[in-house]
Amino acid sequence: MRFKLTSEAKKYIDSQDKTTVKRIYETLRAITKEPPEGDIKTLSGQNNVKRARVGEMRIIYEIKGDHAIIIKIAPRGQTYKQ
């Protein structure tokens, strides 16, 4: 499986320091493994939308075919706000 970043997710990654970027990409590689690794949960009411925890950050992504579409990366308190 591969991952694709939305422009919002890419913008967040670009604004982070090197250590944080490294942790994010390690998690992205882990969620694309078969089976996915890490602290991953399915969001309630949404079958294909999942979240992965990276410390205080959350990665929200959706599985579409053989791709994980990274919808949003944000601190925990801001992740679930629409």
PDB file of N, CA and C in Angstrom:
ATOM      1  N   MET A   1       0.844  -1.178   0.000  1.00  0.00           N
ATOM      2  CA  MET A   1       0.000   0.000   0.000  1.00  0.00           C
ATOM      3  C   MET A   1       0.893   1.245   0.000  1.00  0.00           C
ATOM      4  N   ARG A   2       0.400   2.296  -0.619  1.00  0.00           N
ATOM      5  CA  ARG A   2       1.117   3.570  -0.685  1.00  0.00           C
ATOM      6  C   ARG A   2       0.266   4.637  -0.034  1.00  0.00           C
ATOM      7  N   PHE A   3       0.855   5.805   0.222  1.00  0.00           N
ATOM      8  CA  PHE A   3       0.069   6.894   0.777  1.00  0.00           C
ATOM      9  C   PHE A   3       0.174   8.127  -0.100  1.00  0.00           C
ATOM     10  N   LYS A   4      -0.883   8.925  -0.081  1.00  0.00           N
ATOM     11  CA  LYS A   4      -0.928  10.200  -0.792  1.00  0.00           C
ATOM     12  C   LYS A   4      -1.311  11.274   0.213  1.00  0.00           C
ATOM     13  N   LEU A   5      -0.651  12.414   0.146  1.00  0.00           N
ATOM     14  CA  LEU A   5      -0.928  13.525   1.052  1.00  0.00           C
ATOM     15  C   LEU A   5      -1.845  14.540   0.393  1.00  0.00           C
ATOM     16  N   THR A   6      -2.833  15.025   1.135  1.00  0.00           N
ATOM     17  CA  THR A   6      -3.619  16.149   0.648  1.00  0.00           C
ATOM     18  C   THR A   6      -2.773  17.405   0.813  1.00  0.00           C
ATOM     19  N   SER A   7      -3.181  18.492   0.198  1.00  0.00           N
ATOM     20  CA  SER A   7      -2.414  19.741   0.311  1.00  0.00           C
ATOM     21  C   SER A   7      -2.383  20.224   1.761  1.00  0.00           C
ATOM     22  N   GLU A   8      -3.461  20.006   2.515  1.00  0.00           N
ATOM     23  CA  GLU A   8      -3.495  20.412   3.920  1.00  0.00           C
ATOM     24  C   GLU A   8      -2.476  19.624   4.745  1.00  0.00           C
ATOM     25  N   ALA A   9      -2.386  18.313   4.504  1.00  0.00           N
ATOM     26  CA  ALA A   9      -1.431  17.477   5.227  1.00  0.00           C
ATOM     27  C   ALA A   9       0.005  17.856   4.854  1.00  0.00           C
ATOM     28  N   LYS A  10       0.253  18.093   3.578  1.00  0.00           N
ATOM     29  CA  LYS A  10       1.591  18.484   3.118  1.00  0.00           C
ATOM     30  C   LYS A  10       2.009  19.813   3.740  1.00  0.00           C
ATOM     31  N   LYS A  11       1.080  20.754   3.810  1.00  0.00           N
ATOM     32  CA  LYS A  11       1.358  22.061   4.396  1.00  0.00           C
ATOM     33  C   LYS A  11       1.738  21.921   5.871  1.00  0.00           C
ATOM     34  N   TYR A  12       1.030  21.045   6.605  1.00  0.00           N
ATOM     35  CA  TYR A  12       1.348  20.834   8.017  1.00  0.00           C
ATOM     36  C   TYR A  12       2.741  20.237   8.170  1.00  0.00           C
ATOM     37  N   ILE A  13       3.065  19.244   7.357  1.00  0.00           N
ATOM     38  CA  ILE A  13       4.391  18.611   7.440  1.00  0.00           C
ATOM     39  C   ILE A  13       5.482  19.633   7.147  1.00  0.00           C
ATOM     40  N   ASP A  14       5.274  20.468   6.144  1.00  0.00           N
ATOM     41  CA  ASP A  14       6.280  21.465   5.777  1.00  0.00           C
ATOM     42  C   ASP A  14       6.539  22.482   6.887  1.00  0.00           C
ATOM     43  N   SER A  15       5.581  22.669   7.785  1.00  0.00           N
ATOM     44  CA  SER A  15       5.727  23.661   8.851  1.00  0.00           C
ATOM     45  C   SER A  15       6.395  23.091  10.105  1.00  0.00           C
ATOM     46  N   GLN A  16       6.714  21.800  10.100  1.00  0.00           N
ATOM     47  CA  GLN A  16       7.271  21.151  11.296  1.00  0.00           C
ATOM     48  C   GLN A  16       8.789  21.055  11.252  1.00  0.00           C
ATOM     49  N   ASP A  17       9.380  20.808  12.432  1.00  0.00           N
ATOM     50  CA  ASP A  17      10.829  20.629  12.515  1.00  0.00           C
ATOM     51  C   ASP A  17      11.214  19.226  12.029  1.00  0.00           C
ATOM     52  N   LYS A  18      12.512  19.005  11.818  1.00  0.00           N
ATOM     53  CA  LYS A  18      12.989  17.750  11.233  1.00  0.00           C
ATOM     54  C   LYS A  18      12.620  16.521  12.059  1.00  0.00           C
ATOM     55  N   THR A  19      12.710  16.631  13.376  1.00  0.00           N
ATOM     56  CA  THR A  19      12.396  15.500  14.243  1.00  0.00           C
ATOM     57  C   THR A  19      10.937  15.097  14.108  1.00  0.00           C
ATOM     58  N   THR A  20      10.052  16.068  14.093  1.00  0.00           N
ATOM     59  CA  THR A  20       8.619  15.795  13.958  1.00  0.00           C
ATOM     60  C   THR A  20       8.305  15.208  12.588  1.00  0.00           C
ATOM     61  N   VAL A  21       8.914  15.750  11.561  1.00  0.00           N
ATOM     62  CA  VAL A  21       8.707  15.237  10.198  1.00  0.00           C
ATOM     63  C   VAL A  21       9.147  13.778  10.122  1.00  0.00           C
ATOM     64  N   LYS A  22      10.261  13.449  10.742  1.00  0.00           N
ATOM     65  CA  LYS A  22      10.758  12.074  10.748  1.00  0.00           C
ATOM     66  C   LYS A  22       9.753  11.147  11.434  1.00  0.00           C
ATOM     67  N   ARG A  23       9.195  11.570  12.572  1.00  0.00           N
ATOM     68  CA  ARG A  23       8.203  10.765  13.295  1.00  0.00           C
ATOM     69  C   ARG A  23       6.932  10.576  12.459  1.00  0.00           C
ATOM     70  N   ILE A  24       6.514  11.625  11.769  1.00  0.00           N
ATOM     71  CA  ILE A  24       5.320  11.527  10.930  1.00  0.00           C
ATOM     72  C   ILE A  24       5.539  10.521   9.801  1.00  0.00           C
ATOM     73  N   TYR A  25       6.672  10.623   9.109  1.00  0.00           N
ATOM     74  CA  TYR A  25       6.927   9.704   7.994  1.00  0.00           C
ATOM     75  C   TYR A  25       7.120   8.267   8.467  1.00  0.00           C
ATOM     76  N   GLU A  26       7.686   8.063   9.658  1.00  0.00           N
ATOM     77  CA  GLU A  26       7.792   6.708  10.208  1.00  0.00           C
ATOM     78  C   GLU A  26       6.398   6.120  10.421  1.00  0.00           C
ATOM     79  N   THR A  27       5.477   6.943  10.930  1.00  0.00           N
ATOM     80  CA  THR A  27       4.107   6.483  11.144  1.00  0.00           C
ATOM     81  C   THR A  27       3.406   6.227   9.815  1.00  0.00           C
ATOM     82  N   LEU A  28       3.624   7.091   8.829  1.00  0.00           N
ATOM     83  CA  LEU A  28       3.015   6.882   7.513  1.00  0.00           C
ATOM     84  C   LEU A  28       3.482   5.572   6.895  1.00  0.00           C
ATOM     85  N   ARG A  29       4.759   5.249   7.042  1.00  0.00           N
ATOM     86  CA  ARG A  29       5.264   3.963   6.535  1.00  0.00           C
ATOM     87  C   ARG A  29       4.636   2.798   7.295  1.00  0.00           C
ATOM     88  N   ALA A  30       4.427   2.965   8.608  1.00  0.00           N
ATOM     89  CA  ALA A  30       3.846   1.888   9.426  1.00  0.00           C
ATOM     90  C   ALA A  30       2.392   1.624   9.055  1.00  0.00           C
ATOM     91  N   ILE A  31       1.631   2.676   8.744  1.00  0.00           N
ATOM     92  CA  ILE A  31       0.215   2.450   8.425  1.00  0.00           C
ATOM     93  C   ILE A  31       0.019   1.868   7.030  1.00  0.00           C
ATOM     94  N   THR A  32       1.041   1.942   6.187  1.00  0.00           N
ATOM     95  CA  THR A  32       0.908   1.366   4.841  1.00  0.00           C
ATOM     96  C   THR A  32       1.386  -0.079   4.785  1.00  0.00           C
ATOM     97  N   LYS A  33       1.891  -0.609   5.896  1.00  0.00           N
ATOM     98  CA  LYS A  33       2.288  -2.021   5.929  1.00  0.00           C
ATOM     99  C   LYS A  33       1.042  -2.898   5.970  1.00  0.00           C
ATOM    100  N   GLU A  34       1.233  -4.161   5.674  1.00  0.00           N
ATOM    101  CA  GLU A  34       0.130  -5.106   5.720  1.00  0.00           C
ATOM    102  C   GLU A  34       0.456  -6.170   6.749  1.00  0.00           C
ATOM    103  N   PRO A  35      -0.161  -6.242   7.894  1.00  0.00           N
ATOM    104  CA  PRO A  35      -1.203  -5.366   8.429  1.00  0.00           C
ATOM    105  C   PRO A  35      -0.599  -4.054   8.957  1.00  0.00           C
ATOM    106  N   PRO A  36      -1.411  -3.004   9.053  1.00  0.00           N
ATOM    107  CA  PRO A  36      -0.923  -1.713   9.548  1.00  0.00           C
ATOM    108  C   PRO A  36      -0.410  -1.830  10.987  1.00  0.00           C
ATOM    109  N   GLU A  37       0.610  -1.051  11.301  1.00  0.00           N
ATOM    110  CA  GLU A  37       1.198  -1.075  12.633  1.00  0.00           C
ATOM    111  C   GLU A  37       0.972   0.262  13.317  1.00  0.00           C
ATOM    112  N   GLY A  38       0.937   0.237  14.639  1.00  0.00           N
ATOM    113  CA  GLY A  38       0.826   1.466  15.407  1.00  0.00           C
ATOM    114  C   GLY A  38      -0.517   1.600  16.098  1.00  0.00           C
ATOM    115  N   ASP A  39      -0.719   2.744  16.726  1.00  0.00           N
ATOM    116  CA  ASP A  39      -1.956   3.034  17.440  1.00  0.00           C
ATOM    117  C   ASP A  39      -2.970   3.578  16.440  1.00  0.00           C
ATOM    118  N   ILE A  40      -3.726   2.667  15.836  1.00  0.00           N
ATOM    119  CA  ILE A  40      -4.671   3.014  14.770  1.00  0.00           C
ATOM    120  C   ILE A  40      -6.070   2.613  15.207  1.00  0.00           C
ATOM    121  N   LYS A  41      -7.011   3.517  15.007  1.00  0.00           N
ATOM    122  CA  LYS A  41      -8.408   3.225  15.321  1.00  0.00           C
ATOM    123  C   LYS A  41      -9.286   3.747  14.189  1.00  0.00           C
ATOM    124  N   THR A  42     -10.413   3.065  13.980  1.00  0.00           N
ATOM    125  CA  THR A  42     -11.396   3.518  13.006  1.00  0.00           C
ATOM    126  C   THR A  42     -12.264   4.578  13.652  1.00  0.00           C
ATOM    127  N   LEU A  43     -12.512   5.677  12.961  1.00  0.00           N
ATOM    128  CA  LEU A  43     -13.372   6.729  13.495  1.00  0.00           C
ATOM    129  C   LEU A  43     -14.812   6.244  13.483  1.00  0.00           C
ATOM    130  N   SER A  44     -15.545   6.535  14.542  1.00  0.00           N
ATOM    131  CA  SER A  44     -16.915   6.041  14.664  1.00  0.00           C
ATOM    132  C   SER A  44     -17.794   6.616  13.554  1.00  0.00           C
ATOM    133  N   GLY A  45     -18.610   5.750  12.978  1.00  0.00           N
ATOM    134  CA  GLY A  45     -19.531   6.155  11.933  1.00  0.00           C
ATOM    135  C   GLY A  45     -18.913   6.265  10.553  1.00  0.00           C
ATOM    136  N   GLN A  46     -17.630   5.951  10.428  1.00  0.00           N
ATOM    137  CA  GLN A  46     -16.944   6.076   9.142  1.00  0.00           C
ATOM    138  C   GLN A  46     -16.082   4.835   8.935  1.00  0.00           C
ATOM    139  N   ASN A  47     -16.505   3.952   8.038  1.00  0.00           N
ATOM    140  CA  ASN A  47     -15.858   2.657   7.872  1.00  0.00           C
ATOM    141  C   ASN A  47     -14.406   2.742   7.430  1.00  0.00           C
ATOM    142  N   ASN A  48     -14.109   3.534   6.430  1.00  0.00           N
ATOM    143  CA  ASN A  48     -12.761   3.551   5.865  1.00  0.00           C
ATOM    144  C   ASN A  48     -11.882   4.663   6.402  1.00  0.00           C
ATOM    145  N   VAL A  49     -12.390   5.508   7.289  1.00  0.00           N
ATOM    146  CA  VAL A  49     -11.597   6.615   7.824  1.00  0.00           C
ATOM    147  C   VAL A  49     -11.011   6.191   9.162  1.00  0.00           C
ATOM    148  N   LYS A  50      -9.693   6.329   9.266  1.00  0.00           N
ATOM    149  CA  LYS A  50      -8.987   5.900  10.474  1.00  0.00           C
ATOM    150  C   LYS A  50      -8.119   7.029  10.997  1.00  0.00           C
ATOM    151  N   ARG A  51      -7.640   6.861  12.225  1.00  0.00           N
ATOM    152  CA  ARG A  51      -6.697   7.810  12.787  1.00  0.00           C
ATOM    153  C   ARG A  51      -5.520   7.044  13.346  1.00  0.00           C
ATOM    154  N   ALA A  52      -4.355   7.640  13.193  1.00  0.00           N
ATOM    155  CA  ALA A  52      -3.127   7.099  13.760  1.00  0.00           C
ATOM    156  C   ALA A  52      -2.561   8.142  14.709  1.00  0.00           C
ATOM    157  N   ARG A  53      -2.076   7.686  15.845  1.00  0.00           N
ATOM    158  CA  ARG A  53      -1.545   8.600  16.849  1.00  0.00           C
ATOM    159  C   ARG A  53      -0.029   8.680  16.719  1.00  0.00           C
ATOM    160  N   VAL A  54       0.473   9.925  16.739  1.00  0.00           N
ATOM    161  CA  VAL A  54       1.913  10.194  16.741  1.00  0.00           C
ATOM    162  C   VAL A  54       2.147  11.166  17.896  1.00  0.00           C
ATOM    163  N   GLY A  55       2.333  10.638  19.090  1.00  0.00           N
ATOM    164  CA  GLY A  55       2.461  11.502  20.262  1.00  0.00           C
ATOM    165  C   GLY A  55       1.194  12.306  20.462  1.00  0.00           C
ATOM    166  N   GLU A  56       1.293  13.616  20.466  1.00  0.00           N
ATOM    167  CA  GLU A  56       0.130  14.484  20.622  1.00  0.00           C
ATOM    168  C   GLU A  56      -0.514  14.844  19.286  1.00  0.00           C
ATOM    169  N   MET A  57       0.030  14.334  18.198  1.00  0.00           N
ATOM    170  CA  MET A  57      -0.542  14.596  16.870  1.00  0.00           C
ATOM    171  C   MET A  57      -1.409  13.426  16.438  1.00  0.00           C
ATOM    172  N   ARG A  58      -2.328  13.715  15.528  1.00  0.00           N
ATOM    173  CA  ARG A  58      -3.171  12.680  14.948  1.00  0.00           C
ATOM    174  C   ARG A  58      -3.098  12.780  13.428  1.00  0.00           C
ATOM    175  N   ILE A  59      -3.051  11.625  12.799  1.00  0.00           N
ATOM    176  CA  ILE A  59      -3.085  11.542  11.339  1.00  0.00           C
ATOM    177  C   ILE A  59      -4.426  10.911  10.977  1.00  0.00           C
ATOM    178  N   ILE A  60      -5.248  11.645  10.255  1.00  0.00           N
ATOM    179  CA  ILE A  60      -6.545  11.140   9.802  1.00  0.00           C
ATOM    180  C   ILE A  60      -6.368  10.710   8.350  1.00  0.00           C
ATOM    181  N   TYR A  61      -6.739   9.464   8.057  1.00  0.00           N
ATOM    182  CA  TYR A  61      -6.568   8.974   6.692  1.00  0.00           C
ATOM    183  C   TYR A  61      -7.708   8.055   6.297  1.00  0.00           C
ATOM    184  N   GLU A  62      -7.841   7.889   4.988  1.00  0.00           N
ATOM    185  CA  GLU A  62      -8.893   7.047   4.432  1.00  0.00           C
ATOM    186  C   GLU A  62      -8.255   6.032   3.498  1.00  0.00           C
ATOM    187  N   ILE A  63      -8.746   4.805   3.563  1.00  0.00           N
ATOM    188  CA  ILE A  63      -8.259   3.741   2.689  1.00  0.00           C
ATOM    189  C   ILE A  63      -9.118   3.732   1.425  1.00  0.00           C
ATOM    190  N   LYS A  64      -8.470   3.913   0.286  1.00  0.00           N
ATOM    191  CA  LYS A  64      -9.148   3.837  -1.012  1.00  0.00           C
ATOM    192  C   LYS A  64      -8.324   2.920  -1.907  1.00  0.00           C
ATOM    193  N   GLY A  65      -8.834   1.732  -2.104  1.00  0.00           N
ATOM    194  CA  GLY A  65      -8.111   0.760  -2.920  1.00  0.00           C
ATOM    195  C   GLY A  65      -6.795   0.394  -2.273  1.00  0.00           C
ATOM    196  N   ASP A  66      -5.706   0.608  -2.993  1.00  0.00           N
ATOM    197  CA  ASP A  66      -4.391   0.291  -2.445  1.00  0.00           C
ATOM    198  C   ASP A  66      -3.647   1.542  -1.991  1.00  0.00           C
ATOM    199  N   HIS A  67      -4.388   2.623  -1.680  1.00  0.00           N
ATOM    200  CA  HIS A  67      -3.773   3.864  -1.210  1.00  0.00           C
ATOM    201  C   HIS A  67      -4.380   4.292   0.121  1.00  0.00           C
ATOM    202  N   ALA A  68      -3.554   4.879   0.946  1.00  0.00           N
ATOM    203  CA  ALA A  68      -4.017   5.547   2.164  1.00  0.00           C
ATOM    204  C   ALA A  68      -3.952   7.045   1.849  1.00  0.00           C
ATOM    205  N   ILE A  69      -5.098   7.690   1.792  1.00  0.00           N
ATOM    206  CA  ILE A  69      -5.170   9.121   1.497  1.00  0.00           C
ATOM    207  C   ILE A  69      -5.090   9.855   2.833  1.00  0.00           C
ATOM    208  N   ILE A  70      -4.000  10.588   3.051  1.00  0.00           N
ATOM    209  CA  ILE A  70      -3.793  11.313   4.294  1.00  0.00           C
ATOM    210  C   ILE A  70      -4.600  12.603   4.214  1.00  0.00           C
ATOM    211  N   ILE A  71      -5.687  12.651   4.978  1.00  0.00           N
ATOM    212  CA  ILE A  71      -6.618  13.771   4.918  1.00  0.00           C
ATOM    213  C   ILE A  71      -6.113  14.952   5.733  1.00  0.00           C
ATOM    214  N   LYS A  72      -5.667  14.660   6.957  1.00  0.00           N
ATOM    215  CA  LYS A  72      -5.311  15.750   7.861  1.00  0.00           C
ATOM    216  C   LYS A  72      -4.277  15.272   8.874  1.00  0.00           C
ATOM    217  N   ILE A  73      -3.347  16.150   9.203  1.00  0.00           N
ATOM    218  CA  ILE A  73      -2.398  15.927  10.278  1.00  0.00           C
ATOM    219  C   ILE A  73      -2.465  17.176  11.149  1.00  0.00           C
ATOM    220  N   ALA A  74      -2.713  16.994  12.440  1.00  0.00           N
ATOM    221  CA  ALA A  74      -2.859  18.152  13.321  1.00  0.00           C
ATOM    222  C   ALA A  74      -2.673  17.727  14.770  1.00  0.00           C
ATOM    223  N   PRO A  75      -2.448  18.704  15.654  1.00  0.00           N
ATOM    224  CA  PRO A  75      -2.408  18.385  17.086  1.00  0.00           C
ATOM    225  C   PRO A  75      -3.748  17.802  17.528  1.00  0.00           C
ATOM    226  N   ARG A  76      -3.720  17.016  18.572  1.00  0.00           N
ATOM    227  CA  ARG A  76      -4.895  16.287  19.042  1.00  0.00           C
ATOM    228  C   ARG A  76      -6.136  17.159  19.206  1.00  0.00           C
ATOM    229  N   GLY A  77      -6.017  18.326  19.793  1.00  0.00           N
ATOM    230  CA  GLY A  77      -7.166  19.178  20.057  1.00  0.00           C
ATOM    231  C   GLY A  77      -7.795  19.770  18.827  1.00  0.00           C
ATOM    232  N   GLN A  78      -7.048  19.864  17.735  1.00  0.00           N
ATOM    233  CA  GLN A  78      -7.566  20.485  16.517  1.00  0.00           C
ATOM    234  C   GLN A  78      -7.958  19.475  15.444  1.00  0.00           C
ATOM    235  N   THR A  79      -7.630  18.235  15.637  1.00  0.00           N
ATOM    236  CA  THR A  79      -7.812  17.231  14.596  1.00  0.00           C
ATOM    237  C   THR A  79      -9.259  16.984  14.234  1.00  0.00           C
ATOM    238  N   TYR A  80     -10.120  16.870  15.215  1.00  0.00           N
ATOM    239  CA  TYR A  80     -11.484  16.422  14.957  1.00  0.00           C
ATOM    240  C   TYR A  80     -12.439  17.576  14.693  1.00  0.00           C
ATOM    241  N   LYS A  81     -11.967  18.813  14.750  1.00  0.00           N
ATOM    242  CA  LYS A  81     -12.824  19.954  14.445  1.00  0.00           C
ATOM    243  C   LYS A  81     -13.014  20.056  12.944  1.00  0.00           C
ATOM    244  N   GLN A  82     -14.210  20.333  12.515  1.00  0.00           N
ATOM    245  CA  GLN A  82     -14.500  20.435  11.079  1.00  0.00           C
ATOM    246  C   GLN A  82     -14.383  21.854  10.610  1.00  0.00           C
TER     247      GLN A  82
END
